[in-house]
Amino acid sequence: MPIKAVIFDMDGVLVDSEVYWWRARQAFARDLGKVWTDEGQRRVMGPSTIEWARIMKDILQPAMSVEAIMDDIIRRVMAQYDAQLPTRPGALAAVHLAAQHYRVGLASGSPTAVIQHVLRLTGLDSVFEVVVYGDDMARGKPAPDIYFEALRPLAVMPEAAVGIEDSGNGIRALKAAGMKAIAAPSPDFPLSEEIMKLADAYIPSLEDFSLELVNRLDV
């Protein structure tokens, strides 16, 4: 079936921000006299806002509400964005190229405030036809819900859509939705061999995104 839509993740795909979230969570844990681990970071990559805040509460056991954890981490991340927005090489060009040939959307587990801030800073708020926010979803990635929600207003079937993800939970969500999955992991957070086998294609950088790549997935 011909590919009709390309859906992008945001953190780690369009913006090299996973390290910002990592730093925010490290600092949060440090303030509690604890340590934020690589395994903890992997667990919170992909789930919805409320889900990752619950995971953090479970791991770190702070004497504060899940909502307070969310607000604290988001505040720390937004402060880093204001200082420097780390767009991944080729990311903006990839979105504009995709928009010239396919329906395009954004499906991110990040909170609404963070996504809207990034879209304004990059000018992509006028490019994406649909944006699905993590805090609007009851279940985050690896559940496929966010991708179903992105495709619904585009009137595109999952088998005619491609998603670009950097995390294991994101790749699992795409495959659970019945979509083609392009893995574009951050060098700071490489994917496991299991996840790489699950993906339909791999690119080390968004600079390697091309129409030929998408067309090869048209099977």
Protein backbone atom coordinates (compact mmCIF):
# COMPACT_ATOMS: atom_id res chain seq x y z
CA MET A 1 0.00 0.00 0.00
CA PRO A 2 1.42 3.44 -0.92
CA ILE A 3 2.72 5.47 2.01
CA LYS A 4 0.45 8.45 2.63
CA ALA A 5 1.61 9.83 5.98
CA VAL A 6 4.78 10.35 8.00
CA ILE A 7 4.42 10.82 11.75
CA PHE A 8 7.34 12.19 13.76
CA ASP A 9 8.20 11.81 17.43
CA MET A 10 9.69 14.94 18.98
CA ASP A 11 12.14 14.32 21.84
CA GLY A 12 15.22 12.56 20.52
CA VAL A 13 13.99 12.78 16.93
CA LEU A 14 13.38 16.44 16.07
CA VAL A 15 15.18 17.86 19.06
CA ASP A 16 18.14 16.19 20.72
CA SER A 17 16.45 16.76 24.04
CA GLU A 18 16.62 13.38 25.75
CA VAL A 19 19.83 14.58 27.39
CA TYR A 20 17.90 17.63 28.69
CA TRP A 21 15.27 15.39 30.26
CA TRP A 22 18.10 13.22 31.57
CA ARG A 23 19.80 16.22 33.18
CA ALA A 24 16.52 17.44 34.67
CA ARG A 25 15.83 14.04 36.22
CA GLN A 26 19.42 13.71 37.42
CA ALA A 27 19.19 17.09 39.14
CA PHE A 28 15.80 16.20 40.62
CA ALA A 29 17.17 12.93 42.02
CA ARG A 30 20.32 14.68 43.27
CA ASP A 31 18.18 17.16 45.21
CA LEU A 32 16.64 14.14 46.93
CA GLY A 33 20.06 12.69 47.71
CA LYS A 34 19.51 9.91 45.18
CA VAL A 35 20.82 8.84 41.75
CA TRP A 36 18.94 8.73 38.44
CA THR A 37 20.11 5.66 36.49
CA ASP A 38 20.30 4.69 32.81
CA GLU A 39 17.62 2.07 33.43
CA GLY A 40 15.33 4.67 34.96
CA GLN A 41 15.81 6.89 31.93
CA ARG A 42 14.96 4.07 29.53
CA ARG A 43 11.74 3.40 31.43
CA VAL A 44 10.51 6.99 31.08
CA MET A 45 11.33 7.38 27.37
CA GLY A 46 8.01 7.13 25.51
CA PRO A 47 5.29 6.92 28.17
CA SER A 48 2.81 9.76 28.64
CA THR A 49 3.57 12.64 31.00
CA ILE A 50 1.53 11.27 33.88
CA GLU A 51 3.00 7.80 33.34
CA TRP A 52 6.64 8.89 33.45
CA ALA A 53 5.94 10.99 36.54
CA ARG A 54 4.44 7.92 38.22
CA ILE A 55 7.49 5.87 37.22
CA MET A 56 9.77 8.53 38.73
CA LYS A 57 7.75 8.54 41.95
CA ASP A 58 7.97 4.76 42.12
CA ILE A 59 11.74 4.78 41.58
CA LEU A 60 12.74 7.79 43.69
CA GLN A 61 9.96 7.80 46.32
CA PRO A 62 9.91 11.59 46.83
CA ALA A 63 7.55 13.08 49.43
CA MET A 64 5.57 14.93 46.76
CA SER A 65 2.68 14.30 44.40
CA VAL A 66 2.95 12.95 40.87
CA GLU A 67 1.68 16.33 39.63
CA ALA A 68 4.42 18.15 41.53
CA ILE A 69 7.05 15.87 39.99
CA MET A 70 5.67 16.65 36.52
CA ASP A 71 5.76 20.40 37.14
CA ASP A 72 9.29 20.29 38.55
CA ILE A 73 10.79 18.29 35.67
CA ILE A 74 8.97 20.32 33.00
CA ARG A 75 10.20 23.57 34.56
CA ARG A 76 13.80 22.33 34.49
CA VAL A 77 13.54 21.19 30.86
CA MET A 78 11.89 24.40 29.64
CA ALA A 79 14.68 26.44 31.22
CA GLN A 80 17.23 24.47 29.19
CA TYR A 81 15.20 24.95 25.99
CA ASP A 82 15.15 28.70 26.53
CA ALA A 83 18.93 28.69 26.83
CA GLN A 84 19.49 26.55 23.71
CA LEU A 85 17.09 24.46 21.61
CA PRO A 86 19.09 21.46 20.35
CA THR A 87 17.45 20.54 17.04
CA ARG A 88 18.90 17.35 15.60
CA PRO A 89 20.86 17.75 12.36
CA GLY A 90 18.56 17.52 9.36
CA ALA A 91 15.39 17.43 11.48
CA LEU A 92 13.70 20.58 10.21
CA ALA A 93 14.59 19.80 6.59
CA ALA A 94 13.19 16.27 7.01
CA VAL A 95 9.84 17.57 8.23
CA HIS A 96 9.59 20.10 5.41
CA LEU A 97 10.54 17.45 2.83
CA ALA A 98 7.97 15.01 4.17
CA ALA A 99 5.29 17.72 4.20
CA GLN A 100 5.80 18.31 0.47
CA HIS A 101 4.90 14.71 -0.37
CA TYR A 102 2.91 13.19 2.51
CA ARG A 103 0.47 14.05 5.27
CA VAL A 104 2.58 14.88 8.32
CA GLY A 105 1.92 14.75 12.03
CA LEU A 106 3.63 14.83 15.40
CA ALA A 107 2.96 12.25 18.11
CA SER A 108 4.93 13.02 21.26
CA GLY A 109 4.70 11.82 24.82
CA SER A 110 5.85 15.24 26.00
CA PRO A 111 3.50 17.65 27.80
CA THR A 112 1.47 20.15 25.77
CA ALA A 113 3.39 23.17 27.08
CA VAL A 114 6.76 21.70 26.06
CA ILE A 115 5.59 20.61 22.60
CA GLN A 116 3.98 23.95 21.81
CA HIS A 117 7.11 25.77 23.00
CA VAL A 118 9.34 23.70 20.72
CA LEU A 119 7.00 24.07 17.73
CA ARG A 120 6.98 27.85 18.14
CA LEU A 121 10.76 28.03 18.43
CA THR A 122 11.27 25.87 15.32
CA GLY A 123 8.41 27.29 13.25
CA LEU A 124 6.99 23.79 12.77
CA ASP A 125 3.66 24.78 14.31
CA SER A 126 2.55 25.79 10.81
CA VAL A 127 3.82 22.59 9.14
CA PHE A 128 2.29 19.68 11.06
CA GLU A 129 -1.30 18.90 10.12
CA VAL A 130 -1.96 17.18 13.42
CA VAL A 131 -0.20 17.23 16.79
CA VAL A 132 -0.99 14.74 19.54
CA TYR A 133 0.16 15.64 23.04
CA GLY A 134 1.32 13.12 25.61
CA ASP A 135 -0.75 14.55 28.44
CA ASP A 136 -3.92 14.04 26.38
CA MET A 137 -3.37 10.28 26.26
CA ALA A 138 -4.41 7.88 29.00
CA ARG A 139 -1.80 5.38 27.78
CA GLY A 140 1.58 6.40 26.43
CA LYS A 141 4.05 4.50 24.27
CA PRO A 142 4.58 1.51 23.90
CA ALA A 143 0.78 1.47 23.63
CA PRO A 144 -0.20 2.40 20.05
CA ASP A 145 -2.97 4.83 21.09
CA ILE A 146 -1.08 8.03 20.31
CA TYR A 147 -0.43 6.90 16.73
CA PHE A 148 -4.03 5.89 16.17
CA GLU A 149 -5.02 9.36 17.40
CA ALA A 150 -2.54 11.02 15.01
CA LEU A 151 -3.78 9.09 11.97
CA ARG A 152 -7.51 9.49 12.67
CA PRO A 153 -7.88 13.14 11.52
CA LEU A 154 -5.62 12.44 8.53
CA ALA A 155 -7.92 9.59 7.45
CA VAL A 156 -4.87 7.38 6.81
CA MET A 157 -4.74 3.68 7.64
CA PRO A 158 -1.80 2.50 9.79
CA GLU A 159 -0.41 0.29 7.02
CA ALA A 160 -0.11 3.41 4.82
CA ALA A 161 1.86 5.36 7.43
CA VAL A 162 5.47 5.60 8.59
CA GLY A 163 6.67 6.75 11.98
CA ILE A 164 10.11 7.97 13.04
CA GLU A 165 11.19 7.13 16.58
CA ASP A 166 14.33 7.14 18.71
CA SER A 167 13.23 4.96 21.64
CA GLY A 168 12.38 1.33 22.18
CA ASN A 169 8.95 2.24 23.53
CA GLY A 170 8.33 4.39 20.46
CA ILE A 171 9.30 1.64 18.01
CA ARG A 172 7.09 -0.82 19.88
CA ALA A 173 4.18 1.65 19.70
CA LEU A 174 4.57 2.01 15.93
CA LYS A 175 4.63 -1.72 15.34
CA ALA A 176 1.68 -2.26 17.68
CA ALA A 177 -0.22 0.31 15.60
CA GLY A 178 0.56 -1.61 12.40
CA MET A 179 2.77 1.17 11.00
CA LYS A 180 6.21 1.09 9.41
CA ALA A 181 8.93 2.14 11.85
CA ILE A 182 12.09 4.11 11.09
CA ALA A 183 14.57 4.01 13.96
CA ALA A 184 16.55 7.23 14.40
CA PRO A 185 18.15 6.85 17.84
CA SER A 186 20.19 9.47 19.61
CA PRO A 187 23.88 8.53 19.95
CA ASP A 188 23.47 9.11 23.69
CA PHE A 189 20.73 6.47 23.98
CA PRO A 190 21.41 3.62 21.52
CA LEU A 191 18.72 1.05 20.86
CA SER A 192 19.02 -2.61 21.78
CA GLU A 193 19.58 -5.24 19.11
CA GLU A 194 16.04 -6.51 19.76
CA ILE A 195 14.51 -3.10 18.97
CA MET A 196 16.71 -2.57 15.92
CA LYS A 197 15.40 -5.84 14.49
CA LEU A 198 11.84 -4.71 15.17
CA ALA A 199 12.30 -1.49 13.15
CA ASP A 200 11.74 -1.53 9.38
CA ALA A 201 14.59 0.89 8.66
CA TYR A 202 17.41 2.67 10.47
CA ILE A 203 18.97 6.08 9.95
CA PRO A 204 21.80 7.44 12.13
CA SER A 205 20.65 11.00 11.50
CA LEU A 206 17.62 12.87 10.14
CA GLU A 207 20.06 14.10 7.48
CA ASP A 208 19.65 10.59 6.03
CA PHE A 209 15.87 10.91 5.73
CA SER A 210 14.78 10.78 2.08
CA LEU A 211 11.84 10.05 -0.17
CA GLU A 212 13.70 6.96 -1.38
CA LEU A 213 13.84 5.68 2.20
CA VAL A 214 10.09 6.08 2.65
CA ASN A 215 9.33 4.60 -0.76
CA ARG A 216 11.34 1.49 0.10
CA LEU A 217 8.86 0.87 2.91
CA ASP A 218 5.97 0.88 0.43
CA VAL A 219 5.32 -2.86 0.43
